[in-house]
C-alpha atoms as a PDB file:
ATOM      1  CA  MET A   1      15.566 -12.276   9.736  1.00  0.00           C
ATOM      2  CA  THR A   2      18.593 -13.093   7.618  1.00  0.00           C
ATOM      3  CA  LEU A   3      21.377 -10.537   7.243  1.00  0.00           C
ATOM      4  CA  SER A   4      20.541 -10.206   3.560  1.00  0.00           C
ATOM      5  CA  TYR A   5      17.444  -8.223   4.437  1.00  0.00           C
ATOM      6  CA  SER A   6      19.058  -5.887   6.966  1.00  0.00           C
ATOM      7  CA  HIS A   7      22.576  -5.402   5.596  1.00  0.00           C
ATOM      8  CA  ALA A   8      22.207  -5.643   1.842  1.00  0.00           C
ATOM      9  CA  HIS A   9      24.656  -2.859   0.967  1.00  0.00           C
ATOM     10  CA  GLN A  10      27.907  -1.499   2.266  1.00  0.00           C
ATOM     11  CA  GLN A  11      27.692   0.957   5.110  1.00  0.00           C
ATOM     12  CA  GLY A  12      28.546   4.596   4.434  1.00  0.00           C
ATOM     13  CA  SER A  13      29.355   7.599   6.584  1.00  0.00           C
ATOM     14  CA  GLY A  14      26.075   9.478   6.084  1.00  0.00           C
ATOM     15  CA  THR A  15      23.224   9.520   8.573  1.00  0.00           C
ATOM     16  CA  THR A  16      20.290  10.513   6.333  1.00  0.00           C
ATOM     17  CA  GLU A  17      18.840   8.810   3.281  1.00  0.00           C
ATOM     18  CA  VAL A  18      15.891   9.708   1.089  1.00  0.00           C
ATOM     19  CA  VAL A  19      13.548   7.052  -0.293  1.00  0.00           C
ATOM     20  CA  ALA A  20      10.657   7.409  -2.746  1.00  0.00           C
ATOM     21  CA  VAL A  21       7.421   5.485  -3.215  1.00  0.00           C
ATOM     22  CA  LEU A  22       6.317   6.168  -6.795  1.00  0.00           C
ATOM     23  CA  VAL A  23       2.788   4.991  -7.533  1.00  0.00           C
ATOM     24  CA  ALA A  24       1.097   4.512 -10.908  1.00  0.00           C
ATOM     25  CA  ILE A  25      -2.074   2.795 -12.093  1.00  0.00           C
ATOM     26  CA  THR A  26      -1.652   0.862 -15.324  1.00  0.00           C
ATOM     27  CA  ASP A  27      -4.361  -1.416 -16.752  1.00  0.00           C
ATOM     28  CA  HIS A  28      -6.279  -0.885 -13.504  1.00  0.00           C
ATOM     29  CA  ILE A  29      -3.391  -2.248 -11.416  1.00  0.00           C
ATOM     30  CA  ALA A  30      -1.791  -0.173  -8.647  1.00  0.00           C
ATOM     31  CA  ARG A  31       1.975  -0.389  -8.992  1.00  0.00           C
ATOM     32  CA  VAL A  32       5.120   0.874  -7.259  1.00  0.00           C
ATOM     33  CA  LEU A  33       8.499   1.561  -8.822  1.00  0.00           C
ATOM     34  CA  THR A  34      11.321  -0.577  -7.409  1.00  0.00           C
ATOM     35  CA  VAL A  35      15.022  -1.218  -7.961  1.00  0.00           C
ATOM     36  CA  ASP A  36      17.356  -4.108  -7.155  1.00  0.00           C
ATOM     37  CA  GLN A  37      14.962  -6.716  -8.613  1.00  0.00           C
ATOM     38  CA  GLY A  38      12.044  -5.451  -6.544  1.00  0.00           C
ATOM     39  CA  LYS A  39      13.888  -5.609  -3.213  1.00  0.00           C
ATOM     40  CA  LEU A  40      14.355  -1.853  -2.761  1.00  0.00           C
ATOM     41  CA  LEU A  41      12.634   1.442  -3.414  1.00  0.00           C
ATOM     42  CA  PRO A  42      14.605   4.175  -5.210  1.00  0.00           C
ATOM     43  CA  ASN A  43      16.854   5.645  -2.506  1.00  0.00           C
ATOM     44  CA  GLY A  44      20.154   7.340  -1.806  1.00  0.00           C
ATOM     45  CA  PRO A  45      22.059   9.374   0.763  1.00  0.00           C
ATOM     46  CA  LEU A  46      21.364  13.050   1.281  1.00  0.00           C
ATOM     47  CA  MET A  47      24.488  14.903   0.195  1.00  0.00           C
ATOM     48  CA  PRO A  48      25.700  18.525   0.577  1.00  0.00           C
ATOM     49  CA  LEU A  49      25.057  19.245  -3.102  1.00  0.00           C
ATOM     50  CA  HIS A  50      21.309  18.729  -2.565  1.00  0.00           C
ATOM     51  CA  ARG A  51      19.600  22.036  -1.902  1.00  0.00           C
ATOM     52  CA  SER A  52      16.680  20.288  -0.200  1.00  0.00           C
ATOM     53  CA  LEU A  53      15.336  16.852   0.705  1.00  0.00           C
ATOM     54  CA  GLN A  54      13.020  16.983  -2.294  1.00  0.00           C
ATOM     55  CA  ALA A  55      15.914  17.824  -4.611  1.00  0.00           C
ATOM     56  CA  GLY A  56      17.767  14.827  -3.229  1.00  0.00           C
ATOM     57  CA  VAL A  57      14.929  12.391  -3.784  1.00  0.00           C
ATOM     58  CA  ARG A  58      14.330  13.698  -7.317  1.00  0.00           C
ATOM     59  CA  GLN A  59      17.982  13.226  -8.213  1.00  0.00           C
ATOM     60  CA  TRP A  60      18.203   9.674  -6.888  1.00  0.00           C
ATOM     61  CA  VAL A  61      14.923   8.597  -8.478  1.00  0.00           C
ATOM     62  CA  GLU A  62      15.896   9.975 -11.886  1.00  0.00           C
ATOM     63  CA  GLU A  63      19.410   8.514 -11.707  1.00  0.00           C
ATOM     64  CA  GLN A  64      18.261   5.056 -10.623  1.00  0.00           C
ATOM     65  CA  THR A  65      15.077   4.723 -12.693  1.00  0.00           C
ATOM     66  CA  GLN A  66      15.013   7.398 -15.450  1.00  0.00           C
ATOM     67  CA  GLN A  67      11.374   7.915 -14.451  1.00  0.00           C
ATOM     68  CA  PRO A  68      10.265  11.597 -14.547  1.00  0.00           C
ATOM     69  CA  LEU A  69       8.542  12.773 -11.386  1.00  0.00           C
ATOM     70  CA  GLY A  70       5.336  14.731 -11.073  1.00  0.00           C
ATOM     71  CA  TYR A  71       3.412  15.217  -7.820  1.00  0.00           C
ATOM     72  CA  LEU A  72       5.618  14.620  -4.767  1.00  0.00           C
ATOM     73  CA  GLU A  73       4.900  14.979  -1.053  1.00  0.00           C
ATOM     74  CA  GLN A  74       6.837  14.063   2.071  1.00  0.00           C
ATOM     75  CA  LEU A  75       5.522  10.885   3.589  1.00  0.00           C
ATOM     76  CA  TYR A  76       7.269  10.021   6.830  1.00  0.00           C
ATOM     77  CA  THR A  77      10.632  10.010   8.598  1.00  0.00           C
ATOM     78  CA  PHE A  78      11.939   6.659   9.839  1.00  0.00           C
ATOM     79  CA  VAL A  79      14.840   5.742  12.114  1.00  0.00           C
ATOM     80  CA  ASP A  80      16.317   2.371  11.171  1.00  0.00           C
ATOM     81  CA  THR A  81      17.985   1.125  14.348  1.00  0.00           C
ATOM     82  CA  ASN A  82      19.070  -2.055  12.565  1.00  0.00           C
ATOM     83  CA  ARG A  83      21.366  -0.094  10.252  1.00  0.00           C
ATOM     84  CA  ARG A  84      24.391   1.911  11.348  1.00  0.00           C
ATOM     85  CA  ASN A  85      26.850   4.045   9.460  1.00  0.00           C
ATOM     86  CA  ILE A  86      30.578   3.543   9.827  1.00  0.00           C
ATOM     87  CA  ASP A  87      30.557   5.799  12.887  1.00  0.00           C
ATOM     88  CA  GLY A  88      27.898   3.683  14.593  1.00  0.00           C
ATOM     89  CA  HIS A  89      25.029   6.156  14.219  1.00  0.00           C
ATOM     90  CA  ALA A  90      21.537   4.873  13.347  1.00  0.00           C
ATOM     91  CA  LEU A  91      20.327   5.819   9.867  1.00  0.00           C
ATOM     92  CA  VAL A  92      17.430   8.184   9.359  1.00  0.00           C
ATOM     93  CA  TYR A  93      15.562   8.042   6.096  1.00  0.00           C
ATOM     94  CA  VAL A  94      12.998  10.502   4.871  1.00  0.00           C
ATOM     95  CA  SER A  95      10.354   9.000   2.612  1.00  0.00           C
ATOM     96  CA  TYR A  96       8.394  10.673  -0.166  1.00  0.00           C
ATOM     97  CA  LEU A  97       5.234   9.714  -2.032  1.00  0.00           C
ATOM     98  CA  GLY A  98       5.057  10.460  -5.748  1.00  0.00           C
ATOM     99  CA  LEU A  99       2.218   9.988  -8.227  1.00  0.00           C
ATOM    100  CA  VAL A 100       2.828   9.165 -11.890  1.00  0.00           C
ATOM    101  CA  GLN A 101       0.163   9.238 -14.582  1.00  0.00           C
ATOM    102  CA  GLU A 102      -0.269   6.132 -16.707  1.00  0.00           C
ATOM    103  CA  THR A 103       0.753   8.061 -19.816  1.00  0.00           C
ATOM    104  CA  GLN A 104       4.040   8.993 -18.106  1.00  0.00           C
ATOM    105  CA  THR A 105       5.089   5.432 -17.321  1.00  0.00           C
ATOM    106  CA  GLN A 106       7.471   3.958 -19.808  1.00  0.00           C
ATOM    107  CA  VAL A 107       9.644   0.975 -20.585  1.00  0.00           C
ATOM    108  CA  LEU A 108      12.530   1.932 -18.351  1.00  0.00           C
ATOM    109  CA  GLN A 109      16.052   1.630 -19.701  1.00  0.00           C
ATOM    110  CA  SER A 110      17.346   1.166 -16.162  1.00  0.00           C
ATOM    111  CA  LYS A 111      16.979  -1.958 -14.052  1.00  0.00           C
ATOM    112  CA  ALA A 112      14.010  -0.421 -12.248  1.00  0.00           C
ATOM    113  CA  LEU A 113      10.781  -2.422 -12.219  1.00  0.00           C
ATOM    114  CA  TRP A 114       7.153  -1.455 -11.839  1.00  0.00           C
ATOM    115  CA  ARG A 115       5.591  -4.009  -9.447  1.00  0.00           C
ATOM    116  CA  ASP A 116       1.971  -4.662  -8.495  1.00  0.00           C
ATOM    117  CA  TRP A 117       1.799  -3.414  -4.918  1.00  0.00           C
ATOM    118  CA  TYR A 118      -0.321  -6.444  -3.955  1.00  0.00           C
ATOM    119  CA  ASP A 119       2.768  -8.576  -4.682  1.00  0.00           C
ATOM    120  CA  TYR A 120       4.033  -7.133  -1.395  1.00  0.00           C
ATOM    121  CA  PHE A 121       0.706  -7.099   0.465  1.00  0.00           C
ATOM    122  CA  PRO A 122      -1.453  -9.992  -0.823  1.00  0.00           C
ATOM    123  CA  TRP A 123      -3.824  -9.741   2.146  1.00  0.00           C
ATOM    124  CA  GLU A 124      -4.818  -6.195   1.102  1.00  0.00           C
ATOM    125  CA  ASN A 125      -6.422  -7.181  -2.233  1.00  0.00           C
ATOM    126  CA  HIS A 126     -10.147  -7.696  -1.592  1.00  0.00           C
ATOM    127  CA  LEU A 127     -11.293  -7.037  -5.164  1.00  0.00           C
ATOM    128  CA  ASP A 128     -12.432 -10.662  -5.439  1.00  0.00           C
ATOM    129  CA  GLY A 129     -13.456 -11.005  -1.805  1.00  0.00           C
ATOM    130  CA  MET A 130     -11.377 -11.599   1.296  1.00  0.00           C
ATOM    131  CA  PRO A 131      -8.120 -13.406   0.406  1.00  0.00           C
ATOM    132  CA  SER A 132      -8.121 -16.926   1.815  1.00  0.00           C
ATOM    133  CA  ILE A 133      -4.706 -16.386   3.401  1.00  0.00           C
ATOM    134  CA  ILE A 134      -6.290 -14.167   6.069  1.00  0.00           C
ATOM    135  CA  MET A 135      -8.622 -16.718   7.639  1.00  0.00           C
ATOM    136  CA  ASP A 136      -6.635 -19.825   6.684  1.00  0.00           C
ATOM    137  CA  PHE A 137      -3.298 -18.711   8.110  1.00  0.00           C
ATOM    138  CA  ILE A 138      -2.912 -15.108   9.254  1.00  0.00           C
ATOM    139  CA  VAL A 139      -5.693 -14.846  11.839  1.00  0.00           C
ATOM    140  CA  PRO A 140      -5.077 -18.310  13.388  1.00  0.00           C
ATOM    141  CA  ALA A 141      -1.353 -17.501  13.668  1.00  0.00           C
ATOM    142  CA  LEU A 142      -2.089 -14.098  15.206  1.00  0.00           C
ATOM    143  CA  LEU A 143      -4.432 -15.672  17.760  1.00  0.00           C
ATOM    144  CA  GLU A 144      -1.617 -18.022  18.798  1.00  0.00           C
ATOM    145  CA  TRP A 145       0.655 -15.001  19.062  1.00  0.00           C
ATOM    146  CA  ALA A 146      -1.940 -13.265  21.262  1.00  0.00           C
ATOM    147  CA  ASN A 147      -1.957 -16.248  23.611  1.00  0.00           C
ATOM    148  CA  THR A 148       1.812 -15.945  24.145  1.00  0.00           C
ATOM    149  CA  ALA A 149       1.413 -12.568  25.863  1.00  0.00           C
ATOM    150  CA  HIS A 150       2.055 -12.442  29.607  1.00  0.00           C
ATOM    151  CA  GLY A 151      -1.237 -12.273  31.450  1.00  0.00           C
ATOM    152  CA  PRO A 152      -4.896 -12.329  30.386  1.00  0.00           C
ATOM    153  CA  ILE A 153      -5.185  -8.540  30.092  1.00  0.00           C
ATOM    154  CA  VAL A 154      -2.404  -8.253  27.509  1.00  0.00           C
ATOM    155  CA  GLN A 155      -3.754 -11.315  25.686  1.00  0.00           C
ATOM    156  CA  GLN A 156      -7.193  -9.718  25.493  1.00  0.00           C
ATOM    157  CA  ARG A 157      -5.719  -6.448  24.191  1.00  0.00           C
ATOM    158  CA  ARG A 158      -3.909  -8.322  21.443  1.00  0.00           C
ATOM    159  CA  ARG A 159      -7.123 -10.085  20.436  1.00  0.00           C
ATOM    160  CA  GLN A 160      -8.896  -6.732  20.318  1.00  0.00           C
ATOM    161  CA  ARG A 161      -6.138  -5.351  18.088  1.00  0.00           C
ATOM    162  CA  ILE A 162      -6.537  -8.356  15.786  1.00  0.00           C
ATOM    163  CA  CYS A 163     -10.263  -7.669  15.481  1.00  0.00           C
ATOM    164  CA  LEU A 164      -9.747  -3.966  14.761  1.00  0.00           C
ATOM    165  CA  CYS A 165      -6.949  -4.462  12.238  1.00  0.00           C
ATOM    166  CA  TRP A 166      -8.457  -7.362  10.333  1.00  0.00           C
ATOM    167  CA  GLY A 167     -12.111  -6.339  10.449  1.00  0.00           C
ATOM    168  CA  LEU A 168     -13.345  -9.125  12.717  1.00  0.00           C
ATOM    169  CA  ASP A 169     -15.593  -9.086  15.739  1.00  0.00           C
ATOM    170  CA  GLU A 170     -14.737 -10.845  18.982  1.00  0.00           C
ATOM    171  CA  ALA A 171     -17.954 -12.863  18.973  1.00  0.00           C
ATOM    172  CA  PHE A 172     -17.002 -14.371  15.616  1.00  0.00           C
ATOM    173  CA  LEU A 173     -13.526 -15.273  16.875  1.00  0.00           C
ATOM    174  CA  ALA A 174     -15.022 -16.823  19.993  1.00  0.00           C
ATOM    175  CA  SER A 175     -17.404 -18.936  17.901  1.00  0.00           C
ATOM    176  CA  GLY A 176     -14.508 -21.132  16.791  1.00  0.00           C
ATOM    177  CA  LYS A 177     -15.588 -21.047  13.116  1.00  0.00           C
ATOM    178  CA  LEU A 178     -12.304 -19.760  11.690  1.00  0.00           C
ATOM    179  CA  THR A 179     -11.808 -22.936   9.675  1.00  0.00           C
ATOM    180  CA  ASP A 180     -15.410 -23.105   8.487  1.00  0.00           C
ATOM    181  CA  SER A 181     -15.194 -21.547   5.005  1.00  0.00           C
ATOM    182  CA  GLN A 182     -18.961 -21.206   4.656  1.00  0.00           C
ATOM    183  CA  SER A 183     -19.199 -19.273   7.924  1.00  0.00           C
ATOM    184  CA  VAL A 184     -16.321 -17.051   6.862  1.00  0.00           C
ATOM    185  CA  ASN A 185     -17.974 -16.235   3.524  1.00  0.00           C
ATOM    186  CA  GLU A 186     -21.279 -15.466   5.206  1.00  0.00           C
ATOM    187  CA  HIS A 187     -19.495 -13.156   7.638  1.00  0.00           C
ATOM    188  CA  ASP A 188     -18.717 -10.688   4.854  1.00  0.00           C
ATOM    189  CA  ASN A 189     -16.478  -7.615   4.747  1.00  0.00           C
ATOM    190  CA  GLU A 190     -19.275  -5.210   5.619  1.00  0.00           C
ATOM    191  CA  SER A 191     -20.114  -6.907   8.926  1.00  0.00           C
ATOM    192  CA  ARG A 192     -16.440  -7.205   9.845  1.00  0.00           C
ATOM    193  CA  GLY A 193     -15.818  -3.519   9.248  1.00  0.00           C
ATOM    194  CA  TRP A 194     -12.679  -3.910   7.118  1.00  0.00           C
ATOM    195  CA  ILE A 195     -10.944  -0.516   7.079  1.00  0.00           C
ATOM    196  CA  ALA A 196      -8.859  -0.260   3.920  1.00  0.00           C
ATOM    197  CA  GLU A 197      -6.496   2.459   5.140  1.00  0.00           C
ATOM    198  CA  HIS A 198      -5.237   0.343   8.086  1.00  0.00           C
ATOM    199  CA  VAL A 199      -2.510  -1.120   5.851  1.00  0.00           C
ATOM    200  CA  LEU A 200       0.364  -0.011   8.060  1.00  0.00           C
ATOM    201  CA  LEU A 201      -1.321  -1.275  11.238  1.00  0.00           C
ATOM    202  CA  ARG A 202      -1.788  -4.708   9.700  1.00  0.00           C
ATOM    203  CA  TYR A 203       1.795  -4.822   8.421  1.00  0.00           C
ATOM    204  CA  GLU A 204       3.201  -3.785  11.795  1.00  0.00           C
ATOM    205  CA  MET A 205       1.153  -6.452  13.550  1.00  0.00           C
ATOM    206  CA  LEU A 206       2.548  -9.129  11.232  1.00  0.00           C
ATOM    207  CA  TYR A 207       6.037  -7.742  11.885  1.00  0.00           C
ATOM    208  CA  GLU A 208       5.530  -7.757  15.652  1.00  0.00           C
ATOM    209  CA  ALA A 209       4.235 -11.338  15.524  1.00  0.00           C
ATOM    210  CA  GLY A 210       7.246 -12.470  13.464  1.00  0.00           C
ATOM    211  CA  LEU A 211       5.131 -13.563  10.497  1.00  0.00           C
ATOM    212  CA  ILE A 212       7.073 -11.749   7.758  1.00  0.00           C
ATOM    213  CA  PRO A 213      10.707 -12.327   6.740  1.00  0.00           C
ATOM    214  CA  GLU A 214      11.797  -8.781   7.636  1.00  0.00           C
ATOM    215  CA  ALA A 215      10.941  -9.339  11.321  1.00  0.00           C
ATOM    216  CA  PRO A 216      13.871 -10.072  13.679  1.00  0.00           C
ATOM    217  CA  ASN A 217      11.881 -12.922  15.277  1.00  0.00           C
ATOM    218  CA  TYR A 218      11.005 -14.637  11.971  1.00  0.00           C
ATOM    219  CA  PRO A 219      10.070 -17.448  11.752  1.00  0.00           C
ATOM    220  CA  PRO A 220       7.947 -17.513  14.919  1.00  0.00           C
ATOM    221  CA  ASN A 221       8.471 -20.335  17.408  1.00  0.00           C
ATOM    222  CA  TYR A 222       5.136 -20.115  19.195  1.00  0.00           C
ATOM    223  CA  GLN A 223       2.984 -21.915  16.649  1.00  0.00           C
ATOM    224  CA  ALA A 224       1.371 -25.248  17.396  1.00  0.00           C
ATOM    225  CA  VAL A 225       1.086 -25.851  13.644  1.00  0.00           C
ATOM    226  CA  ALA A 226       3.993 -24.890  11.382  1.00  0.00           C
ATOM    227  CA  LEU A 227       3.497 -22.387   8.584  1.00  0.00           C
ATOM    228  CA  PRO A 228       3.504 -23.759   5.011  1.00  0.00           C
ATOM    229  CA  GLU A 229       6.958 -24.322   3.509  1.00  0.00           C
ATOM    230  CA  ASP A 230       6.282 -21.612   0.930  1.00  0.00           C
ATOM    231  CA  TRP A 231       5.085 -19.110   3.540  1.00  0.00           C
ATOM    232  CA  SER A 232       7.746 -16.531   2.660  1.00  0.00           C
ATOM    233  CA  GLN A 233       6.258 -16.407  -0.870  1.00  0.00           C
ATOM    234  CA  ARG A 234       2.632 -16.434   0.264  1.00  0.00           C
ATOM    235  CA  ILE A 235       3.059 -13.545   2.677  1.00  0.00           C
ATOM    236  CA  GLY A 236       4.385 -11.208  -0.006  1.00  0.00           C
ATOM    237  CA  VAL A 237       7.710 -10.188  -1.490  1.00  0.00           C
ATOM    238  CA  PRO A 238      10.180  -9.168   1.261  1.00  0.00           C
ATOM    239  CA  MET A 239      12.333  -6.064   0.881  1.00  0.00           C
ATOM    240  CA  TYR A 240      15.614  -4.707   2.200  1.00  0.00           C
ATOM    241  CA  TYR A 241      15.889  -1.889   4.735  1.00  0.00           C
ATOM    242  CA  ASP A 242      12.297  -2.180   5.889  1.00  0.00           C
ATOM    243  CA  HIS A 243      11.181  -0.635   2.596  1.00  0.00           C
ATOM    244  CA  ARG A 244       8.012  -2.722   2.636  1.00  0.00           C
ATOM    245  CA  ARG A 245       6.969  -0.755   5.718  1.00  0.00           C
ATOM    246  CA  VAL A 246       7.505   2.450   3.729  1.00  0.00           C
ATOM    247  CA  ILE A 247       5.185   1.172   0.972  1.00  0.00           C
ATOM    248  CA  ALA A 248       2.596   0.221   3.615  1.00  0.00           C
ATOM    249  CA  THR A 249       2.753   3.793   4.933  1.00  0.00           C
ATOM    250  CA  ALA A 250       2.259   5.158   1.408  1.00  0.00           C
ATOM    251  CA  ILE A 251      -0.744   2.920   0.709  1.00  0.00           C
ATOM    252  CA  SER A 252      -2.314   3.913   4.022  1.00  0.00           C
ATOM    253  CA  ARG A 253      -1.793   7.586   3.163  1.00  0.00           C
ATOM    254  CA  LEU A 254      -3.291   7.250  -0.326  1.00  0.00           C
ATOM    255  CA  ARG A 255      -6.284   5.196   0.788  1.00  0.00           C
ATOM    256  CA  ALA A 256      -7.056   7.711   3.514  1.00  0.00           C
ATOM    257  CA  LYS A 257      -6.569  10.823   1.374  1.00  0.00           C
ATOM    258  CA  ILE A 258      -8.771   9.713  -1.536  1.00  0.00           C
ATOM    259  CA  GLU A 259     -11.662   9.891   0.926  1.00  0.00           C
ATOM    260  CA  TYR A 260     -11.272  13.652   1.290  1.00  0.00           C
ATOM    261  CA  ARG A 261      -9.052  14.810  -1.594  1.00  0.00           C
ATOM    262  CA  PRO A 262      -9.209  13.719  -5.252  1.00  0.00           C
ATOM    263  CA  LEU A 263      -5.584  12.602  -5.497  1.00  0.00           C
ATOM    264  CA  ILE A 264      -6.673  10.249  -8.251  1.00  0.00           C
ATOM    265  CA  PHE A 265      -6.155  13.331 -10.486  1.00  0.00           C
ATOM    266  CA  GLY A 266      -2.434  12.638 -10.378  1.00  0.00           C
ATOM    267  CA  LEU A 267      -2.802   9.024 -11.501  1.00  0.00           C
ATOM    268  CA  MET A 268      -5.286   9.190 -14.363  1.00  0.00           C
ATOM    269  CA  PRO A 269      -4.622  10.016 -18.035  1.00  0.00           C
ATOM    270  CA  ASP A 270      -6.005  13.284 -19.374  1.00  0.00           C
ATOM    271  CA  VAL A 271      -9.224  11.638 -20.620  1.00  0.00           C
ATOM    272  CA  PHE A 272     -10.932   8.501 -19.365  1.00  0.00           C
ATOM    273  CA  THR A 273     -14.265   6.727 -19.062  1.00  0.00           C
ATOM    274  CA  LEU A 274     -16.157   6.588 -15.788  1.00  0.00           C
ATOM    275  CA  SER A 275     -15.578   2.842 -15.670  1.00  0.00           C
ATOM    276  CA  GLN A 276     -11.828   3.393 -15.956  1.00  0.00           C
ATOM    277  CA  LEU A 277     -11.984   5.946 -13.160  1.00  0.00           C
ATOM    278  CA  GLN A 278     -13.916   3.577 -10.900  1.00  0.00           C
ATOM    279  CA  GLN A 279     -11.551   0.690 -11.604  1.00  0.00           C
ATOM    280  CA  SER A 280      -8.585   2.900 -10.758  1.00  0.00           C
ATOM    281  CA  VAL A 281     -10.099   3.950  -7.428  1.00  0.00           C
ATOM    282  CA  GLU A 282     -10.842   0.286  -6.706  1.00  0.00           C
ATOM    283  CA  ALA A 283      -7.226  -0.628  -7.500  1.00  0.00           C
ATOM    284  CA  LEU A 284      -6.083   1.802  -4.813  1.00  0.00           C
ATOM    285  CA  SER A 285      -8.667   0.894  -2.190  1.00  0.00           C
ATOM    286  CA  GLY A 286      -8.549  -2.864  -2.776  1.00  0.00           C
ATOM    287  CA  VAL A 287     -12.355  -3.158  -2.573  1.00  0.00           C
ATOM    288  CA  ARG A 288     -15.197  -2.979  -5.076  1.00  0.00           C
ATOM    289  CA  LEU A 289     -17.382   0.126  -5.264  1.00  0.00           C
ATOM    290  CA  HIS A 290     -21.079   0.285  -6.007  1.00  0.00           C
ATOM    291  CA  LYS A 291     -21.339   1.596  -9.571  1.00  0.00           C
ATOM    292  CA  GLN A 292     -24.416   3.772  -9.197  1.00  0.00           C
ATOM    293  CA  ASN A 293     -23.327   5.225  -5.853  1.00  0.00           C
ATOM    294  CA  PHE A 294     -19.923   6.006  -7.340  1.00  0.00           C
ATOM    295  CA  ARG A 295     -21.393   7.900 -10.287  1.00  0.00           C
ATOM    296  CA  ARG A 296     -23.975   9.649  -8.170  1.00  0.00           C
ATOM    297  CA  LEU A 297     -21.285  11.037  -5.891  1.00  0.00           C
ATOM    298  CA  LEU A 298     -19.160  12.105  -8.857  1.00  0.00           C
ATOM    299  CA  ASP A 299     -22.146  14.040 -10.199  1.00  0.00           C
ATOM    300  CA  SER A 300     -22.946  15.635  -6.848  1.00  0.00           C
ATOM    301  CA  GLN A 301     -19.387  16.864  -6.349  1.00  0.00           C
ATOM    302  CA  ASN A 302     -18.946  18.006  -9.938  1.00  0.00           C
ATOM    303  CA  LEU A 303     -15.456  16.529 -10.215  1.00  0.00           C
ATOM    304  CA  VAL A 304     -15.482  15.556 -13.901  1.00  0.00           C
ATOM    305  CA  MET A 305     -16.794  16.945 -17.171  1.00  0.00           C
ATOM    306  CA  GLU A 306     -17.587  15.379 -20.537  1.00  0.00           C
ATOM    307  CA  THR A 307     -15.155  15.940 -23.390  1.00  0.00           C
ATOM    308  CA  GLY A 308     -17.811  15.481 -26.074  1.00  0.00           C
ATOM    309  CA  GLU A 309     -15.973  12.440 -27.410  1.00  0.00           C
ATOM    310  CA  SER A 310     -16.365   8.688 -26.937  1.00  0.00           C
ATOM    311  CA  SER A 311     -13.933   5.830 -26.474  1.00  0.00           C
ATOM    312  CA  THR A 312     -13.130   3.553 -29.380  1.00  0.00           C
ATOM    313  CA  ALA A 313     -13.855   0.348 -27.485  1.00  0.00           C
ATOM    314  CA  GLN A 314     -13.729  -2.790 -29.589  1.00  0.00           C
ATOM    315  CA  ARG A 315     -16.650  -4.374 -27.776  1.00  0.00           C
ATOM    316  CA  GLY A 316     -20.004  -2.923 -26.857  1.00  0.00           C
ATOM    317  CA  ARG A 317     -21.223   0.621 -27.162  1.00  0.00           C
ATOM    318  CA  PRO A 318     -18.540   3.348 -27.028  1.00  0.00           C
ATOM    319  CA  ALA A 319     -18.423   5.016 -23.626  1.00  0.00           C
ATOM    320  CA  LYS A 320     -18.306   8.767 -23.062  1.00  0.00           C
ATOM    321  CA  LEU A 321     -14.917  10.261 -22.297  1.00  0.00           C
ATOM    322  CA  TYR A 322     -14.408  12.595 -19.361  1.00  0.00           C
ATOM    323  CA  ARG A 323     -11.694  14.761 -17.902  1.00  0.00           C
ATOM    324  CA  PHE A 324     -11.233  16.210 -14.450  1.00  0.00           C
ATOM    325  CA  ARG A 325     -12.329  19.770 -13.841  1.00  0.00           C
ATOM    326  CA  HIS A 326      -9.041  21.415 -12.973  1.00  0.00           C
ATOM    327  CA  ASP A 327     -10.772  24.319 -11.246  1.00  0.00           C
ATOM    328  CA  ILE A 328     -12.279  21.765  -8.877  1.00  0.00           C
ATOM    329  CA  GLU A 329      -8.839  20.211  -8.416  1.00  0.00           C
ATOM    330  CA  LEU A 330      -7.471  23.549  -7.247  1.00  0.00           C
ATOM    331  CA  GLN A 331     -10.450  24.228  -5.018  1.00  0.00           C
ATOM    332  CA  SER A 332     -10.067  20.801  -3.419  1.00  0.00           C
ATOM    333  CA  LEU A 333      -6.909  22.028  -1.696  1.00  0.00           C
ATOM    334  CA  LEU A 334      -9.160  24.108   0.548  1.00  0.00           C
ATOM    335  CA  MET A 335     -12.499  22.326   0.322  1.00  0.00           C
ATOM    336  CA  ASP A 336     -13.814  18.911   1.269  1.00  0.00           C
ATOM    337  CA  SER A 337     -14.002  17.450  -2.238  1.00  0.00           C
ATOM    338  CA  LYS A 338     -13.546  13.716  -2.096  1.00  0.00           C
ATOM    339  CA  LEU A 339     -13.898  10.544  -4.074  1.00  0.00           C
ATOM    340  CA  PRO A 340     -16.547   7.943  -3.268  1.00  0.00           C
ATOM    341  CA  LYS A 341     -16.111   5.501  -0.472  1.00  0.00           C
ATOM    342  CA  ARG A 342     -17.386   1.935  -0.639  1.00  0.00           C
ATOM    343  CA  LYS A 343     -20.367   2.477   1.654  1.00  0.00           C
END
């Protein structure tokens, strides 16, 4: 990893920083708010004037982006051993996840940018099927990495981790058909058991194997075949301070929580069509949902209600407009209300 990704800014005397992952869905695209030309998340040091961690993150986000904040929850606490303050202490940063409704996003006067989160994680977008990068490059490279482990037991454990993280089965890997595109297409996502919320596990495996620019052992030296010259662009936009790992943690959290809590409430406009709602859930999960199953589960859980109005679509028949039932939203804090899963 080059120094530009680990020491992008001058060191200070503080030991704690706050960092925010702000998520919005616009035009059915899941996006995150970034600064420094997409290389950083909104962040800043925790200072004595901040009454709380949340007050600190709100101040830094508003100062750096001018984006108003709505729903906010603490995400995770990281220790960055690659960064030290002027006294030599490792930096701790506390991350937060915030949700912004589409109607609240705006053309920002700051240098902040809303970025498609699949720009950072191209292997996570399965809306048009499994991305070719997985079977063409990622899995073969990871298998080579597995073979570099000391001893057959550790090698086998790595291969098992590859199967679990990337939704493969060991029999398929052993068949030697990784480069057979027809076999890969026939071995679809359902049979592989792709688990959408394993975003962080997949990112950390790529980091451990030295396949992303943020890794200290990038580029890897174990490969029999070199990665493409444009690999650093294919594998997603790199970020300073391990902030891409923070986004991976946020995506994992969101994908997991929409299975048992309707957090999509915080991302949708006040009124919407059922198609818009489904497309927004798909944008978060990265996989397509079965239309009838999706609507059947919405009906059974009584999450939405008709407004009595219709959309003014330019093509086709106008669709009914809905809104979330806010009494159900409040009840969901204590009950098992959830949004539909793919299966």
